Amino acid sequence: LQMNSLKPEDTAVYYCNAYYRRYSYSPYVDY
């Protein structure tokens, strides 16, 4: 995530999220 022209209101904890499946037969889940 390239963040330019940052503002004070951008202040936060930023969390990465992955929507993935472990195996080909597995459902997608969030992590």
Full PDB file with SEQRES, HELIX, SHEET, SSBOND, CRYST1, ORIGX, SCALE, CONECT and MASTER records, all heavy atoms in Angstrom:
SEQRES   1 A   31  LEU GLN MET ASN SER LEU LYS PRO GLU ASP THR ALA VAL          
SEQRES   2 A   31  TYR TYR CYS ASN ALA TYR TYR ARG ARG TYR SER TYR SER          
SEQRES   3 A   31  PRO TYR VAL ASP TYR                                          
HELIX    1 AA1 PRO A    8  ASP A   10  5                                   3    
CRYST1    1.000    1.000    1.000  90.00  90.00  90.00 P 1           1          
ORIGX1      1.000000  0.000000  0.000000        0.00000                         
ORIGX2      0.000000  1.000000  0.000000        0.00000                         
ORIGX3      0.000000  0.000000  1.000000        0.00000                         
SCALE1      1.000000  0.000000  0.000000        0.00000                         
SCALE2      0.000000  1.000000  0.000000        0.00000                         
SCALE3      0.000000  0.000000  1.000000        0.00000                         
ATOM      1  N   LEU A   1       0.854  -1.178   0.000  1.00  0.00           N  
ATOM      2  CA  LEU A   1       0.000   0.000   0.000  1.00  0.00           C  
ATOM      3  C   LEU A   1       0.892   1.231   0.000  1.00  0.00           C  
ATOM      4  O   LEU A   1       1.538   1.533   1.003  1.00  0.00           O  
ATOM      5  CB  LEU A   1      -0.932   0.024   1.216  1.00  0.00           C  
ATOM      6  CG  LEU A   1      -1.958   1.156   1.235  1.00  0.00           C  
ATOM      7  CD1 LEU A   1      -2.991   0.970   0.121  1.00  0.00           C  
ATOM      8  CD2 LEU A   1      -2.655   1.236   2.590  1.00  0.00           C  
ATOM      9  N   GLN A   2       0.938   1.908  -1.133  1.00  0.00           N  
ATOM     10  CA  GLN A   2       1.671   3.160  -1.243  1.00  0.00           C  
ATOM     11  C   GLN A   2       0.744   4.288  -0.825  1.00  0.00           C  
ATOM     12  O   GLN A   2      -0.307   4.493  -1.434  1.00  0.00           O  
ATOM     13  CB  GLN A   2       2.160   3.375  -2.674  1.00  0.00           C  
ATOM     14  CG  GLN A   2       2.915   4.676  -2.890  1.00  0.00           C  
ATOM     15  CD  GLN A   2       4.221   4.722  -2.144  1.00  0.00           C  
ATOM     16  OE1 GLN A   2       4.983   3.749  -2.183  1.00  0.00           O  
ATOM     17  NE2 GLN A   2       4.487   5.823  -1.460  1.00  0.00           N  
ATOM     18  N   MET A   3       1.123   5.013   0.202  1.00  0.00           N  
ATOM     19  CA  MET A   3       0.303   6.073   0.757  1.00  0.00           C  
ATOM     20  C   MET A   3       1.004   7.407   0.557  1.00  0.00           C  
ATOM     21  O   MET A   3       2.079   7.646   1.120  1.00  0.00           O  
ATOM     22  CB  MET A   3       0.028   5.833   2.243  1.00  0.00           C  
ATOM     23  CG  MET A   3      -0.605   4.478   2.541  1.00  0.00           C  
ATOM     24  SD  MET A   3      -1.069   4.279   4.284  1.00  0.00           S  
ATOM     25  CE  MET A   3       0.561   4.282   5.037  1.00  0.00           C  
ATOM     26  N   ASN A   4       0.405   8.261  -0.249  1.00  0.00           N  
ATOM     27  CA  ASN A   4       0.943   9.583  -0.527  1.00  0.00           C  
ATOM     28  C   ASN A   4       0.012  10.657   0.015  1.00  0.00           C  
ATOM     29  O   ASN A   4      -1.161  10.408   0.288  1.00  0.00           O  
ATOM     30  CB  ASN A   4       1.132   9.778  -2.033  1.00  0.00           C  
ATOM     31  CG  ASN A   4       2.114   8.817  -2.643  1.00  0.00           C  
ATOM     32  OD1 ASN A   4       3.101   8.422  -2.012  1.00  0.00           O  
ATOM     33  ND2 ASN A   4       1.870   8.436  -3.894  1.00  0.00           N  
ATOM     34  N   SER A   5       0.539  11.862   0.138  1.00  0.00           N  
ATOM     35  CA  SER A   5      -0.247  13.004   0.618  1.00  0.00           C  
ATOM     36  C   SER A   5      -0.994  12.674   1.898  1.00  0.00           C  
ATOM     37  O   SER A   5      -2.191  12.932   2.038  1.00  0.00           O  
ATOM     38  CB  SER A   5      -1.225  13.469  -0.472  1.00  0.00           C  
ATOM     39  OG  SER A   5      -0.541  13.830  -1.654  1.00  0.00           O  
ATOM     40  N   LEU A   6      -0.291  12.101   2.841  1.00  0.00           N  
ATOM     41  CA  LEU A   6      -0.917  11.648   4.082  1.00  0.00           C  
ATOM     42  C   LEU A   6      -1.471  12.813   4.887  1.00  0.00           C  
ATOM     43  O   LEU A   6      -0.893  13.904   4.918  1.00  0.00           O  
ATOM     44  CB  LEU A   6       0.075  10.853   4.908  1.00  0.00           C  
ATOM     45  CG  LEU A   6       0.308   9.422   4.413  1.00  0.00           C  
ATOM     46  CD1 LEU A   6       1.592   8.853   4.988  1.00  0.00           C  
ATOM     47  CD2 LEU A   6      -0.879   8.534   4.788  1.00  0.00           C  
ATOM     48  N   LYS A   7      -2.589  12.548   5.537  1.00  0.00           N  
ATOM     49  CA  LYS A   7      -3.290  13.522   6.351  1.00  0.00           C  
ATOM     50  C   LYS A   7      -3.383  13.016   7.787  1.00  0.00           C  
ATOM     51  O   LYS A   7      -3.354  11.810   8.019  1.00  0.00           O  
ATOM     52  CB  LYS A   7      -4.706  13.760   5.804  1.00  0.00           C  
ATOM     53  CG  LYS A   7      -4.764  14.182   4.350  1.00  0.00           C  
ATOM     54  CD  LYS A   7      -6.205  14.249   3.865  1.00  0.00           C  
ATOM     55  CE  LYS A   7      -6.277  14.645   2.407  1.00  0.00           C  
ATOM     56  NZ  LYS A   7      -7.683  14.686   1.926  1.00  0.00           N  
ATOM     57  N   PRO A   8      -3.526  13.919   8.753  1.00  0.00           N  
ATOM     58  CA  PRO A   8      -3.681  13.464  10.141  1.00  0.00           C  
ATOM     59  C   PRO A   8      -4.833  12.477  10.324  1.00  0.00           C  
ATOM     60  O   PRO A   8      -4.730  11.573  11.163  1.00  0.00           O  
ATOM     61  CB  PRO A   8      -3.935  14.765  10.909  1.00  0.00           C  
ATOM     62  CG  PRO A   8      -3.211  15.792  10.116  1.00  0.00           C  
ATOM     63  CD  PRO A   8      -3.404  15.383   8.675  1.00  0.00           C  
ATOM     64  N   GLU A   9      -5.902  12.616   9.565  1.00  0.00           N  
ATOM     65  CA  GLU A   9      -7.029  11.706   9.681  1.00  0.00           C  
ATOM     66  C   GLU A   9      -6.729  10.300   9.163  1.00  0.00           C  
ATOM     67  O   GLU A   9      -7.543   9.389   9.332  1.00  0.00           O  
ATOM     68  CB  GLU A   9      -8.276  12.264   8.983  1.00  0.00           C  
ATOM     69  CG  GLU A   9      -8.035  12.735   7.568  1.00  0.00           C  
ATOM     70  CD  GLU A   9      -7.802  14.240   7.479  1.00  0.00           C  
ATOM     71  OE1 GLU A   9      -7.040  14.768   8.302  1.00  0.00           O  
ATOM     72  OE2 GLU A   9      -8.404  14.878   6.587  1.00  0.00           O  
ATOM     73  N   ASP A  10      -5.579  10.110   8.532  1.00  0.00           N  
ATOM     74  CA  ASP A  10      -5.146   8.775   8.140  1.00  0.00           C  
ATOM     75  C   ASP A  10      -4.534   8.003   9.301  1.00  0.00           C  
ATOM     76  O   ASP A  10      -4.249   6.809   9.163  1.00  0.00           O  
ATOM     77  CB  ASP A  10      -4.130   8.843   6.996  1.00  0.00           C  
ATOM     78  CG  ASP A  10      -4.720   9.395   5.714  1.00  0.00           C  
ATOM     79  OD1 ASP A  10      -5.853   9.025   5.364  1.00  0.00           O  
ATOM     80  OD2 ASP A  10      -4.031  10.199   5.052  1.00  0.00           O  
ATOM     81  N   THR A  11      -4.310   8.670  10.414  1.00  0.00           N  
ATOM     82  CA  THR A  11      -3.722   8.023  11.579  1.00  0.00           C  
ATOM     83  C   THR A  11      -4.611   6.882  12.064  1.00  0.00           C  
ATOM     84  O   THR A  11      -5.792   7.073  12.339  1.00  0.00           O  
ATOM     85  CB  THR A  11      -3.515   9.033  12.707  1.00  0.00           C  
ATOM     86  OG1 THR A  11      -2.562  10.021  12.290  1.00  0.00           O  
ATOM     87  CG2 THR A  11      -2.996   8.350  13.966  1.00  0.00           C  
ATOM     88  N   ALA A  12      -4.029   5.695  12.156  1.00  0.00           N  
ATOM     89  CA  ALA A  12      -4.775   4.510  12.557  1.00  0.00           C  
ATOM     90  C   ALA A  12      -3.819   3.329  12.628  1.00  0.00           C  
ATOM     91  O   ALA A  12      -2.665   3.419  12.203  1.00  0.00           O  
ATOM     92  CB  ALA A  12      -5.897   4.206  11.561  1.00  0.00           C  
ATOM     93  N   VAL A  13      -4.323   2.227  13.153  1.00  0.00           N  
ATOM     94  CA  VAL A  13      -3.640   0.954  13.011  1.00  0.00           C  
ATOM     95  C   VAL A  13      -4.111   0.334  11.706  1.00  0.00           C  
ATOM     96  O   VAL A  13      -5.312   0.204  11.470  1.00  0.00           O  
ATOM     97  CB  VAL A  13      -3.921   0.007  14.187  1.00  0.00           C  
ATOM     98  CG1 VAL A  13      -3.249  -1.335  13.961  1.00  0.00           C  
ATOM     99  CG2 VAL A  13      -3.438   0.633  15.491  1.00  0.00           C  
ATOM    100  N   TYR A  14      -3.181  -0.037  10.872  1.00  0.00           N  
ATOM    101  CA  TYR A  14      -3.492  -0.615   9.572  1.00  0.00           C  
ATOM    102  C   TYR A  14      -3.296  -2.126   9.634  1.00  0.00           C  
ATOM    103  O   TYR A  14      -2.243  -2.614  10.047  1.00  0.00           O  
ATOM    104  CB  TYR A  14      -2.608  -0.009   8.487  1.00  0.00           C  
ATOM    105  CG  TYR A  14      -3.037   1.375   8.081  1.00  0.00           C  
ATOM    106  CD1 TYR A  14      -2.904   2.444   8.955  1.00  0.00           C  
ATOM    107  CD2 TYR A  14      -3.597   1.619   6.825  1.00  0.00           C  
ATOM    108  CE1 TYR A  14      -3.319   3.714   8.606  1.00  0.00           C  
ATOM    109  CE2 TYR A  14      -4.007   2.884   6.466  1.00  0.00           C  
ATOM    110  CZ  TYR A  14      -3.870   3.934   7.353  1.00  0.00           C  
ATOM    111  OH  TYR A  14      -4.279   5.194   6.996  1.00  0.00           O  
ATOM    112  N   TYR A  15      -4.322  -2.850   9.214  1.00  0.00           N  
ATOM    113  CA  TYR A  15      -4.324  -4.306   9.272  1.00  0.00           C  
ATOM    114  C   TYR A  15      -4.346  -4.903   7.870  1.00  0.00           C  
ATOM    115  O   TYR A  15      -5.149  -4.493   7.027  1.00  0.00           O  
ATOM    116  CB  TYR A  15      -5.548  -4.821  10.028  1.00  0.00           C  
ATOM    117  CG  TYR A  15      -5.596  -4.425  11.486  1.00  0.00           C  
ATOM    118  CD1 TYR A  15      -6.235  -3.257  11.887  1.00  0.00           C  
ATOM    119  CD2 TYR A  15      -5.016  -5.226  12.456  1.00  0.00           C  
ATOM    120  CE1 TYR A  15      -6.287  -2.894  13.214  1.00  0.00           C  
ATOM    121  CE2 TYR A  15      -5.065  -4.873  13.794  1.00  0.00           C  
ATOM    122  CZ  TYR A  15      -5.708  -3.701  14.166  1.00  0.00           C  
ATOM    123  OH  TYR A  15      -5.764  -3.349  15.487  1.00  0.00           O  
ATOM    124  N   CYS A  16      -3.503  -5.872   7.670  1.00  0.00           N  
ATOM    125  CA  CYS A  16      -3.514  -6.635   6.435  1.00  0.00           C  
ATOM    126  C   CYS A  16      -4.530  -7.764   6.545  1.00  0.00           C  
ATOM    127  O   CYS A  16      -4.676  -8.381   7.604  1.00  0.00           O  
ATOM    128  CB  CYS A  16      -2.121  -7.201   6.168  1.00  0.00           C  
ATOM    129  SG  CYS A  16      -1.980  -8.188   4.665  1.00  0.00           S  
ATOM    130  N   ASN A  17      -5.226  -8.029   5.464  1.00  0.00           N  
ATOM    131  CA  ASN A  17      -6.209  -9.096   5.416  1.00  0.00           C  
ATOM    132  C   ASN A  17      -5.981  -9.954   4.178  1.00  0.00           C  
ATOM    133  O   ASN A  17      -5.709  -9.431   3.095  1.00  0.00           O  
ATOM    134  CB  ASN A  17      -7.629  -8.516   5.392  1.00  0.00           C  
ATOM    135  CG  ASN A  17      -8.690  -9.576   5.173  1.00  0.00           C  
ATOM    136  OD1 ASN A  17      -9.095  -9.840   4.032  1.00  0.00           O  
ATOM    137  ND2 ASN A  17      -9.142 -10.185   6.251  1.00  0.00           N  
ATOM    138  N   ALA A  18      -6.088 -11.255   4.360  1.00  0.00           N  
ATOM    139  CA  ALA A  18      -6.011 -12.183   3.240  1.00  0.00           C  
ATOM    140  C   ALA A  18      -7.258 -13.042   3.196  1.00  0.00           C  
ATOM    141  O   ALA A  18      -7.699 -13.554   4.224  1.00  0.00           O  
ATOM    142  CB  ALA A  18      -4.769 -13.064   3.348  1.00  0.00           C  
ATOM    143  N   TYR A  19      -7.820 -13.178   2.027  1.00  0.00           N  
ATOM    144  CA  TYR A  19      -8.971 -14.043   1.778  1.00  0.00           C  
ATOM    145  C   TYR A  19      -8.427 -15.213   0.973  1.00  0.00           C  
ATOM    146  O   TYR A  19      -8.119 -15.078  -0.213  1.00  0.00           O  
ATOM    147  CB  TYR A  19     -10.042 -13.267   1.018  1.00  0.00           C  
ATOM    148  CG  TYR A  19     -11.341 -13.987   0.788  1.00  0.00           C  
ATOM    149  CD1 TYR A  19     -12.164 -14.344   1.844  1.00  0.00           C  
ATOM    150  CD2 TYR A  19     -11.766 -14.277  -0.500  1.00  0.00           C  
ATOM    151  CE1 TYR A  19     -13.366 -14.983   1.629  1.00  0.00           C  
ATOM    152  CE2 TYR A  19     -12.969 -14.913  -0.729  1.00  0.00           C  
ATOM    153  CZ  TYR A  19     -13.766 -15.266   0.351  1.00  0.00           C  
ATOM    154  OH  TYR A  19     -14.961 -15.892   0.136  1.00  0.00           O  
ATOM    155  N   TYR A  20      -8.292 -16.351   1.636  1.00  0.00           N  
ATOM    156  CA  TYR A  20      -7.530 -17.445   1.034  1.00  0.00           C  
ATOM    157  C   TYR A  20      -8.161 -18.793   1.324  1.00  0.00           C  
ATOM    158  O   TYR A  20      -9.036 -18.923   2.180  1.00  0.00           O  
ATOM    159  CB  TYR A  20      -6.096 -17.433   1.571  1.00  0.00           C  
ATOM    160  CG  TYR A  20      -5.939 -18.083   2.923  1.00  0.00           C  
ATOM    161  CD1 TYR A  20      -5.362 -19.343   3.049  1.00  0.00           C  
ATOM    162  CD2 TYR A  20      -6.381 -17.443   4.078  1.00  0.00           C  
ATOM    163  CE1 TYR A  20      -5.230 -19.945   4.291  1.00  0.00           C  
ATOM    164  CE2 TYR A  20      -6.251 -18.040   5.319  1.00  0.00           C  
ATOM    165  CZ  TYR A  20      -5.677 -19.291   5.421  1.00  0.00           C  
ATOM    166  OH  TYR A  20      -5.544 -19.890   6.650  1.00  0.00           O  
ATOM    167  N   ARG A  21      -7.689 -19.797   0.619  1.00  0.00           N  
ATOM    168  CA  ARG A  21      -8.053 -21.179   0.918  1.00  0.00           C  
ATOM    169  C   ARG A  21      -6.784 -21.999   1.062  1.00  0.00           C  
ATOM    170  O   ARG A  21      -5.830 -21.838   0.297  1.00  0.00           O  
ATOM    171  CB  ARG A  21      -8.992 -21.759  -0.132  1.00  0.00           C  
ATOM    172  CG  ARG A  21      -8.521 -21.654  -1.573  1.00  0.00           C  
ATOM    173  CD  ARG A  21      -9.557 -22.254  -2.522  1.00  0.00           C  
ATOM    174  NE  ARG A  21      -9.170 -22.100  -3.912  1.00  0.00           N  
ATOM    175  CZ  ARG A  21      -9.823 -22.624  -4.935  1.00  0.00           C  
ATOM    176  NH1 ARG A  21     -10.918 -23.346  -4.715  1.00  0.00           N  
ATOM    177  NH2 ARG A  21      -9.395 -22.427  -6.172  1.00  0.00           N  
ATOM    178  N   ARG A  22      -6.795 -22.871   2.043  1.00  0.00           N  
ATOM    179  CA  ARG A  22      -5.627 -23.671   2.358  1.00  0.00           C  
ATOM    180  C   ARG A  22      -5.396 -24.774   1.330  1.00  0.00           C  
ATOM    181  O   ARG A  22      -4.247 -25.068   0.969  1.00  0.00           O  
ATOM    182  CB  ARG A  22      -5.782 -24.274   3.756  1.00  0.00           C  
ATOM    183  CG  ARG A  22      -4.529 -24.902   4.310  1.00  0.00           C  
ATOM    184  CD  ARG A  22      -4.766 -25.374   5.729  1.00  0.00           C  
ATOM    185  NE  ARG A  22      -3.562 -25.953   6.314  1.00  0.00           N  
ATOM    186  CZ  ARG A  22      -3.521 -26.534   7.494  1.00  0.00           C  
ATOM    187  NH1 ARG A  22      -4.622 -26.631   8.233  1.00  0.00           N  
ATOM    188  NH2 ARG A  22      -2.376 -27.026   7.942  1.00  0.00           N  
ATOM    189  N   TYR A  23      -6.453 -25.388   0.881  1.00  0.00           N  
ATOM    190  CA  TYR A  23      -6.385 -26.455  -0.108  1.00  0.00           C  
ATOM    191  C   TYR A  23      -7.403 -26.180  -1.202  1.00  0.00           C  
ATOM    192  O   TYR A  23      -8.302 -25.361  -1.043  1.00  0.00           O  
ATOM    193  CB  TYR A  23      -6.664 -27.821   0.526  1.00  0.00           C  
ATOM    194  CG  TYR A  23      -5.745 -28.156   1.670  1.00  0.00           C  
ATOM    195  CD1 TYR A  23      -6.199 -28.095   2.984  1.00  0.00           C  
ATOM    196  CD2 TYR A  23      -4.426 -28.536   1.441  1.00  0.00           C  
ATOM    197  CE1 TYR A  23      -5.363 -28.401   4.043  1.00  0.00           C  
ATOM    198  CE2 TYR A  23      -3.582 -28.834   2.502  1.00  0.00           C  
ATOM    199  CZ  TYR A  23      -4.059 -28.770   3.796  1.00  0.00           C  
ATOM    200  OH  TYR A  23      -3.218 -29.067   4.845  1.00  0.00           O  
ATOM    201  N   SER A  24      -7.274 -26.903  -2.300  1.00  0.00           N  
ATOM    202  CA  SER A  24      -8.150 -26.661  -3.431  1.00  0.00           C  
ATOM    203  C   SER A  24      -9.612 -26.938  -3.102  1.00  0.00           C  
ATOM    204  O   SER A  24     -10.508 -26.344  -3.713  1.00  0.00           O  
ATOM    205  CB  SER A  24      -7.711 -27.504  -4.631  1.00  0.00           C  
ATOM    206  OG  SER A  24      -7.806 -28.887  -4.347  1.00  0.00           O  
ATOM    207  N   TYR A  25      -9.858 -27.819  -2.148  1.00  0.00           N  
ATOM    208  CA  TYR A  25     -11.212 -28.193  -1.774  1.00  0.00           C  
ATOM    209  C   TYR A  25     -11.747 -27.392  -0.589  1.00  0.00           C  
ATOM    210  O   TYR A  25     -12.872 -27.603  -0.156  1.00  0.00           O  
ATOM    211  CB  TYR A  25     -11.273 -29.689  -1.437  1.00  0.00           C  
ATOM    212  CG  TYR A  25     -10.248 -30.135  -0.425  1.00  0.00           C  
ATOM    213  CD1 TYR A  25     -10.468 -29.987   0.933  1.00  0.00           C  
ATOM    214  CD2 TYR A  25      -9.045 -30.710  -0.849  1.00  0.00           C  
ATOM    215  CE1 TYR A  25      -9.527 -30.389   1.857  1.00  0.00           C  
ATOM    216  CE2 TYR A  25      -8.103 -31.124   0.069  1.00  0.00           C  
ATOM    217  CZ  TYR A  25      -8.342 -30.960   1.426  1.00  0.00           C  
ATOM    218  OH  TYR A  25      -7.394 -31.370   2.340  1.00  0.00           O  
ATOM    219  N   SER A  26     -10.931 -26.483  -0.051  1.00  0.00           N  
ATOM    220  CA  SER A  26     -11.303 -25.721   1.136  1.00  0.00           C  
ATOM    221  C   SER A  26     -12.097 -24.482   0.772  1.00  0.00           C  
ATOM    222  O   SER A  26     -11.916 -23.906  -0.301  1.00  0.00           O  
ATOM    223  CB  SER A  26     -10.048 -25.306   1.906  1.00  0.00           C  
ATOM    224  OG  SER A  26      -9.277 -26.428   2.292  1.00  0.00           O  
ATOM    225  N   PRO A  27     -12.950 -24.039   1.683  1.00  0.00           N  
ATOM    226  CA  PRO A  27     -13.618 -22.756   1.463  1.00  0.00           C  
ATOM    227  C   PRO A  27     -12.658 -21.601   1.696  1.00  0.00           C  
ATOM    228  O   PRO A  27     -11.654 -21.737   2.399  1.00  0.00           O  
ATOM    229  CB  PRO A  27     -14.734 -22.757   2.514  1.00  0.00           C  
ATOM    230  CG  PRO A  27     -14.182 -23.593   3.626  1.00  0.00           C  
ATOM    231  CD  PRO A  27     -13.381 -24.677   2.947  1.00  0.00           C  
ATOM    232  N   TYR A  28     -12.961 -20.463   1.116  1.00  0.00           N  
ATOM    233  CA  TYR A  28     -12.178 -19.269   1.381  1.00  0.00           C  
ATOM    234  C   TYR A  28     -12.509 -18.734   2.776  1.00  0.00           C  
ATOM    235  O   TYR A  28     -13.671 -18.720   3.190  1.00  0.00           O  
ATOM    236  CB  TYR A  28     -12.475 -18.188   0.348  1.00  0.00           C  
ATOM    237  CG  TYR A  28     -11.792 -18.406  -0.980  1.00  0.00           C  
ATOM    238  CD1 TYR A  28     -12.445 -19.049  -2.029  1.00  0.00           C  
ATOM    239  CD2 TYR A  28     -10.491 -17.956  -1.188  1.00  0.00           C  
ATOM    240  CE1 TYR A  28     -11.810 -19.245  -3.246  1.00  0.00           C  
ATOM    241  CE2 TYR A  28      -9.858 -18.148  -2.397  1.00  0.00           C  
ATOM    242  CZ  TYR A  28     -10.518 -18.796  -3.424  1.00  0.00           C  
ATOM    243  OH  TYR A  28      -9.890 -18.987  -4.634  1.00  0.00           O  
ATOM    244  N   VAL A  29     -11.470 -18.292   3.482  1.00  0.00           N  
ATOM    245  CA  VAL A  29     -11.630 -17.711   4.801  1.00  0.00           C  
ATOM    246  C   VAL A  29     -10.767 -16.466   4.910  1.00  0.00           C  
ATOM    247  O   VAL A  29      -9.816 -16.279   4.141  1.00  0.00           O  
ATOM    248  CB  VAL A  29     -11.258 -18.699   5.927  1.00  0.00           C  
ATOM    249  CG1 VAL A  29     -12.201 -19.890   5.930  1.00  0.00           C  
ATOM    250  CG2 VAL A  29      -9.813 -19.165   5.775  1.00  0.00           C  
ATOM    251  N   ASP A  30     -11.095 -15.633   5.880  1.00  0.00           N  
ATOM    252  CA  ASP A  30     -10.329 -14.419   6.148  1.00  0.00           C  
ATOM    253  C   ASP A  30      -9.287 -14.660   7.225  1.00  0.00           C  
ATOM    254  O   ASP A  30      -9.524 -15.407   8.183  1.00  0.00           O  
ATOM    255  CB  ASP A  30     -11.250 -13.286   6.606  1.00  0.00           C  
ATOM    256  CG  ASP A  30     -11.969 -12.609   5.470  1.00  0.00           C  
ATOM    257  OD1 ASP A  30     -11.283 -12.029   4.597  1.00  0.00           O  
ATOM    258  OD2 ASP A  30     -13.217 -12.653   5.453  1.00  0.00           O  
ATOM    259  N   TYR A  31      -8.151 -14.013   7.080  1.00  0.00           N  
ATOM    260  CA  TYR A  31      -7.115 -14.039   8.099  1.00  0.00           C  
ATOM    261  C   TYR A  31      -6.528 -12.649   8.225  1.00  0.00           C  
ATOM    262  O   TYR A  31      -6.352 -11.945   7.231  1.00  0.00           O  
ATOM    263  CB  TYR A  31      -6.025 -15.054   7.758  1.00  0.00           C  
ATOM    264  CG  TYR A  31      -5.217 -15.479   8.958  1.00  0.00           C  
ATOM    265  CD1 TYR A  31      -5.672 -16.499   9.780  1.00  0.00           C  
ATOM    266  CD2 TYR A  31      -4.021 -14.854   9.272  1.00  0.00           C  
ATOM    267  CE1 TYR A  31      -4.945 -16.889  10.891  1.00  0.00           C  
ATOM    268  CE2 TYR A  31      -3.285 -15.228  10.380  1.00  0.00           C  
ATOM    269  CZ  TYR A  31      -3.756 -16.250  11.190  1.00  0.00           C  
ATOM    270  OH  TYR A  31      -3.030 -16.630  12.290  1.00  0.00           O  
TER     271      TYR A  31                                                      
MASTER        0    0    0    1    0    0    0    6  270    1    0    3          
END                                                                             
